[in-house]
């Protein structure tokens, strides 16, 4: 049995100046990157399956979809909950075990969030649980998705 790991970063780039101070105050734009990977989505298969390593593969995109879905729900919940997120980056990891066809066994999200006020820290951590419950993608996969957030004050 082989195990494959897919690491990527989903980073929110939609802070237009006041973070998520209101629902309409921020853009939903983000970047999805893989170390050494291309800046745009050009598709292939995993190099382990004779794919082009300079192009995105479905496994990376699945992990990115889980991470981005969580991020979008989280930003929404923060906006409506009065938490001003100033920065967000998630170093997500997906694990796939290959035995015959293979399957994902887990995805771990590691969002690092910066908020504008110390009074928002507790709510900012708690809202990750609600975002996880709401995420369409996490609710659609047949493997566990863990969320290990870090929240800090941005000065």
C-alpha atoms as a PDB file:
ATOM      1  CA  UNK A   1       0.000   0.000   0.000  1.00  0.00           C
ATOM      2  CA  UNK A   2       1.244   3.475  -0.895  1.00  0.00           C
ATOM      3  CA  UNK A   3       0.299   6.687   0.892  1.00  0.00           C
ATOM      4  CA  UNK A   4       0.213   9.984  -0.974  1.00  0.00           C
ATOM      5  CA  UNK A   5       0.267  13.390   0.710  1.00  0.00           C
ATOM      6  CA  UNK A   6      -0.998  16.572  -0.944  1.00  0.00           C
ATOM      7  CA  UNK A   7       0.089  19.865   0.636  1.00  0.00           C
ATOM      8  CA  UNK A   8      -1.213  23.206  -0.546  1.00  0.00           C
ATOM      9  CA  UNK A   9      -2.014  26.688   0.675  1.00  0.00           C
ATOM     10  CA  UNK A  10      -5.314  28.497   0.241  1.00  0.00           C
ATOM     11  CA  UNK A  11      -4.840  32.181   1.103  1.00  0.00           C
ATOM     12  CA  UNK A  12      -7.583  34.752   1.218  1.00  0.00           C
ATOM     13  CA  UNK A  13      -6.665  37.859  -0.787  1.00  0.00           C
ATOM     14  CA  UNK A  14      -9.974  39.640  -0.418  1.00  0.00           C
ATOM     15  CA  UNK A  15      -9.250  42.107   2.394  1.00  0.00           C
ATOM     16  CA  UNK A  16     -10.263  45.435   0.859  1.00  0.00           C
ATOM     17  CA  UNK A  17      -9.133  47.426   3.899  1.00  0.00           C
ATOM     18  CA  UNK A  18     -11.483  46.601   6.768  1.00  0.00           C
ATOM     19  CA  UNK A  19     -11.385  42.818   6.656  1.00  0.00           C
ATOM     20  CA  UNK A  20     -14.701  41.130   7.347  1.00  0.00           C
ATOM     21  CA  UNK A  21     -16.129  44.119   9.187  1.00  0.00           C
ATOM     22  CA  UNK A  22     -19.378  43.531   7.288  1.00  0.00           C
ATOM     23  CA  UNK A  23     -20.754  40.990   4.834  1.00  0.00           C
ATOM     24  CA  UNK A  24     -20.184  43.265   1.835  1.00  0.00           C
ATOM     25  CA  UNK A  25     -16.853  44.690   3.009  1.00  0.00           C
ATOM     26  CA  UNK A  26     -14.622  41.953   1.637  1.00  0.00           C
ATOM     27  CA  UNK A  27     -13.922  40.092  -1.579  1.00  0.00           C
ATOM     28  CA  UNK A  28     -14.095  36.304  -1.739  1.00  0.00           C
ATOM     29  CA  UNK A  29     -10.870  36.165  -3.782  1.00  0.00           C
ATOM     30  CA  UNK A  30      -8.199  33.669  -2.841  1.00  0.00           C
ATOM     31  CA  UNK A  31      -5.082  32.057  -4.189  1.00  0.00           C
ATOM     32  CA  UNK A  32      -4.415  28.338  -4.205  1.00  0.00           C
ATOM     33  CA  UNK A  33      -0.756  27.384  -4.405  1.00  0.00           C
ATOM     34  CA  UNK A  34       1.432  24.328  -4.229  1.00  0.00           C
ATOM     35  CA  UNK A  35       5.132  24.739  -3.531  1.00  0.00           C
ATOM     36  CA  UNK A  36       6.859  24.468  -6.885  1.00  0.00           C
ATOM     37  CA  UNK A  37       3.521  24.316  -8.699  1.00  0.00           C
ATOM     38  CA  UNK A  38       2.063  26.561 -11.391  1.00  0.00           C
ATOM     39  CA  UNK A  39       0.315  29.884 -10.672  1.00  0.00           C
ATOM     40  CA  UNK A  40      -2.754  28.904 -12.691  1.00  0.00           C
ATOM     41  CA  UNK A  41      -4.822  25.749 -12.806  1.00  0.00           C
ATOM     42  CA  UNK A  42      -3.436  23.568 -15.574  1.00  0.00           C
ATOM     43  CA  UNK A  43      -4.578  19.987 -15.041  1.00  0.00           C
ATOM     44  CA  UNK A  44      -2.909  16.603 -15.250  1.00  0.00           C
ATOM     45  CA  UNK A  45      -2.773  13.525 -13.064  1.00  0.00           C
ATOM     46  CA  UNK A  46      -0.586  12.954 -10.033  1.00  0.00           C
ATOM     47  CA  UNK A  47       3.047  12.365 -11.080  1.00  0.00           C
ATOM     48  CA  UNK A  48       2.793   8.962  -9.369  1.00  0.00           C
ATOM     49  CA  UNK A  49       0.310   8.162 -12.136  1.00  0.00           C
ATOM     50  CA  UNK A  50       2.421   9.568 -15.007  1.00  0.00           C
ATOM     51  CA  UNK A  51       1.090  13.095 -14.703  1.00  0.00           C
ATOM     52  CA  UNK A  52       2.830  16.380 -15.281  1.00  0.00           C
ATOM     53  CA  UNK A  53       4.137  17.606 -11.897  1.00  0.00           C
ATOM     54  CA  UNK A  54       3.970  21.232 -13.086  1.00  0.00           C
ATOM     55  CA  UNK A  55       0.167  20.999 -13.382  1.00  0.00           C
ATOM     56  CA  UNK A  56      -2.575  20.699 -10.777  1.00  0.00           C
ATOM     57  CA  UNK A  57      -3.863  17.192 -10.159  1.00  0.00           C
ATOM     58  CA  UNK A  58      -7.338  16.153  -8.966  1.00  0.00           C
ATOM     59  CA  UNK A  59      -6.024  15.185  -5.543  1.00  0.00           C
ATOM     60  CA  UNK A  60      -4.582  18.654  -4.950  1.00  0.00           C
ATOM     61  CA  UNK A  61      -7.787  20.228  -6.215  1.00  0.00           C
ATOM     62  CA  UNK A  62      -9.893  18.101  -3.856  1.00  0.00           C
ATOM     63  CA  UNK A  63      -7.835  19.271  -0.875  1.00  0.00           C
ATOM     64  CA  UNK A  64      -8.063  22.855  -2.172  1.00  0.00           C
ATOM     65  CA  UNK A  65     -11.844  22.548  -2.507  1.00  0.00           C
ATOM     66  CA  UNK A  66     -12.203  21.406   1.110  1.00  0.00           C
ATOM     67  CA  UNK A  67      -9.899  24.191   2.337  1.00  0.00           C
ATOM     68  CA  UNK A  68     -11.500  26.931   0.258  1.00  0.00           C
ATOM     69  CA  UNK A  69     -15.040  25.887   1.191  1.00  0.00           C
ATOM     70  CA  UNK A  70     -14.146  26.036   4.886  1.00  0.00           C
ATOM     71  CA  UNK A  71     -12.481  29.430   4.395  1.00  0.00           C
ATOM     72  CA  UNK A  72     -15.486  30.916   2.595  1.00  0.00           C
ATOM     73  CA  UNK A  73     -17.934  29.727   5.252  1.00  0.00           C
ATOM     74  CA  UNK A  74     -15.604  30.945   7.987  1.00  0.00           C
ATOM     75  CA  UNK A  75     -15.253  34.419   6.468  1.00  0.00           C
ATOM     76  CA  UNK A  76     -19.036  34.631   6.060  1.00  0.00           C
ATOM     77  CA  UNK A  77     -19.694  33.598   9.644  1.00  0.00           C
ATOM     78  CA  UNK A  78     -17.086  36.048  10.920  1.00  0.00           C
ATOM     79  CA  UNK A  79     -18.599  38.866   8.877  1.00  0.00           C
ATOM     80  CA  UNK A  80     -22.102  38.279  10.207  1.00  0.00           C
ATOM     81  CA  UNK A  81     -20.778  37.523  13.710  1.00  0.00           C
ATOM     82  CA  UNK A  82     -18.801  40.715  14.137  1.00  0.00           C
ATOM     83  CA  UNK A  83     -15.324  39.235  13.855  1.00  0.00           C
ATOM     84  CA  UNK A  84     -13.030  41.304  11.627  1.00  0.00           C
ATOM     85  CA  UNK A  85     -10.661  38.861   9.953  1.00  0.00           C
ATOM     86  CA  UNK A  86      -7.634  40.674   8.591  1.00  0.00           C
ATOM     87  CA  UNK A  87      -5.701  37.672   7.269  1.00  0.00           C
ATOM     88  CA  UNK A  88      -6.309  33.996   6.575  1.00  0.00           C
ATOM     89  CA  UNK A  89      -4.013  31.275   5.229  1.00  0.00           C
ATOM     90  CA  UNK A  90      -4.531  27.526   5.421  1.00  0.00           C
ATOM     91  CA  UNK A  91      -1.726  24.980   5.034  1.00  0.00           C
ATOM     92  CA  UNK A  92      -3.964  22.013   4.257  1.00  0.00           C
ATOM     93  CA  UNK A  93      -2.913  18.379   3.868  1.00  0.00           C
ATOM     94  CA  UNK A  94      -4.770  15.506   2.253  1.00  0.00           C
ATOM     95  CA  UNK A  95      -3.772  11.878   2.710  1.00  0.00           C
ATOM     96  CA  UNK A  96      -4.593   9.275   0.080  1.00  0.00           C
ATOM     97  CA  UNK A  97      -3.799   5.594   0.452  1.00  0.00           C
ATOM     98  CA  UNK A  98      -3.341   3.644  -2.720  1.00  0.00           C
ATOM     99  CA  UNK A  99      -4.332   0.009  -2.683  1.00  0.00           C
ATOM    100  CA  UNK A 100      -5.812  -0.766  -6.048  1.00  0.00           C
ATOM    101  CA  UNK A 101      -7.957   2.258  -6.854  1.00  0.00           C
ATOM    102  CA  UNK A 102      -6.920   4.191  -3.748  1.00  0.00           C
ATOM    103  CA  UNK A 103      -8.926   6.603  -1.644  1.00  0.00           C
ATOM    104  CA  UNK A 104      -8.491   9.643   0.553  1.00  0.00           C
ATOM    105  CA  UNK A 105      -8.353   8.790   4.236  1.00  0.00           C
ATOM    106  CA  UNK A 106      -8.231  12.327   5.661  1.00  0.00           C
ATOM    107  CA  UNK A 107      -7.806  16.030   5.091  1.00  0.00           C
ATOM    108  CA  UNK A 108      -6.410  18.317   7.775  1.00  0.00           C
ATOM    109  CA  UNK A 109      -6.965  22.066   7.584  1.00  0.00           C
ATOM    110  CA  UNK A 110      -4.580  24.346   9.471  1.00  0.00           C
ATOM    111  CA  UNK A 111      -5.992  27.838   9.074  1.00  0.00           C
ATOM    112  CA  UNK A 112      -3.966  30.692  10.522  1.00  0.00           C
ATOM    113  CA  UNK A 113      -6.241  33.671  11.110  1.00  0.00           C
ATOM    114  CA  UNK A 114      -5.447  37.236  12.107  1.00  0.00           C
ATOM    115  CA  UNK A 115      -8.176  39.344  13.721  1.00  0.00           C
ATOM    116  CA  UNK A 116      -8.240  43.061  14.425  1.00  0.00           C
ATOM    117  CA  UNK A 117      -9.174  43.019  18.132  1.00  0.00           C
ATOM    118  CA  UNK A 118      -8.257  40.835  21.103  1.00  0.00           C
ATOM    119  CA  UNK A 119     -11.926  40.675  22.107  1.00  0.00           C
ATOM    120  CA  UNK A 120     -12.597  38.734  18.885  1.00  0.00           C
ATOM    121  CA  UNK A 121     -10.104  35.912  19.522  1.00  0.00           C
ATOM    122  CA  UNK A 122     -12.447  33.496  21.302  1.00  0.00           C
ATOM    123  CA  UNK A 123     -15.259  33.926  18.775  1.00  0.00           C
ATOM    124  CA  UNK A 124     -12.761  33.627  15.918  1.00  0.00           C
ATOM    125  CA  UNK A 125     -11.666  30.207  17.174  1.00  0.00           C
ATOM    126  CA  UNK A 126     -15.232  29.011  17.848  1.00  0.00           C
ATOM    127  CA  UNK A 127     -16.501  29.990  14.405  1.00  0.00           C
ATOM    128  CA  UNK A 128     -14.242  27.365  12.841  1.00  0.00           C
ATOM    129  CA  UNK A 129     -16.515  24.690  14.345  1.00  0.00           C
ATOM    130  CA  UNK A 130     -19.586  26.286  12.771  1.00  0.00           C
ATOM    131  CA  UNK A 131     -17.818  26.734   9.417  1.00  0.00           C
ATOM    132  CA  UNK A 132     -16.860  23.063   9.476  1.00  0.00           C
ATOM    133  CA  UNK A 133     -20.499  22.081  10.001  1.00  0.00           C
ATOM    134  CA  UNK A 134     -21.618  24.305   7.114  1.00  0.00           C
ATOM    135  CA  UNK A 135     -18.947  23.424   4.529  1.00  0.00           C
ATOM    136  CA  UNK A 136     -20.577  21.783   1.517  1.00  0.00           C
ATOM    137  CA  UNK A 137     -17.439  19.967   0.488  1.00  0.00           C
ATOM    138  CA  UNK A 138     -16.562  18.604   3.943  1.00  0.00           C
ATOM    139  CA  UNK A 139     -20.159  17.387   4.230  1.00  0.00           C
ATOM    140  CA  UNK A 140     -19.842  15.596   0.883  1.00  0.00           C
ATOM    141  CA  UNK A 141     -16.683  13.553   1.339  1.00  0.00           C
ATOM    142  CA  UNK A 142     -16.468  10.087   2.881  1.00  0.00           C
ATOM    143  CA  UNK A 143     -13.324  10.701   4.936  1.00  0.00           C
ATOM    144  CA  UNK A 144     -12.696  12.777   8.060  1.00  0.00           C
ATOM    145  CA  UNK A 145     -11.806  16.454   7.774  1.00  0.00           C
ATOM    146  CA  UNK A 146      -9.966  17.849  10.786  1.00  0.00           C
ATOM    147  CA  UNK A 147      -9.617  21.567  11.510  1.00  0.00           C
ATOM    148  CA  UNK A 148      -6.647  22.783  13.565  1.00  0.00           C
ATOM    149  CA  UNK A 149      -6.995  26.580  13.652  1.00  0.00           C
ATOM    150  CA  UNK A 150      -4.595  29.171  15.008  1.00  0.00           C
ATOM    151  CA  UNK A 151      -5.989  32.639  15.673  1.00  0.00           C
ATOM    152  CA  UNK A 152      -3.916  35.648  16.606  1.00  0.00           C
ATOM    153  CA  UNK A 153      -4.270  39.384  16.998  1.00  0.00           C
ATOM    154  CA  UNK A 154      -2.965  41.355  14.024  1.00  0.00           C
ATOM    155  CA  UNK A 155      -1.449  44.666  15.079  1.00  0.00           C
END
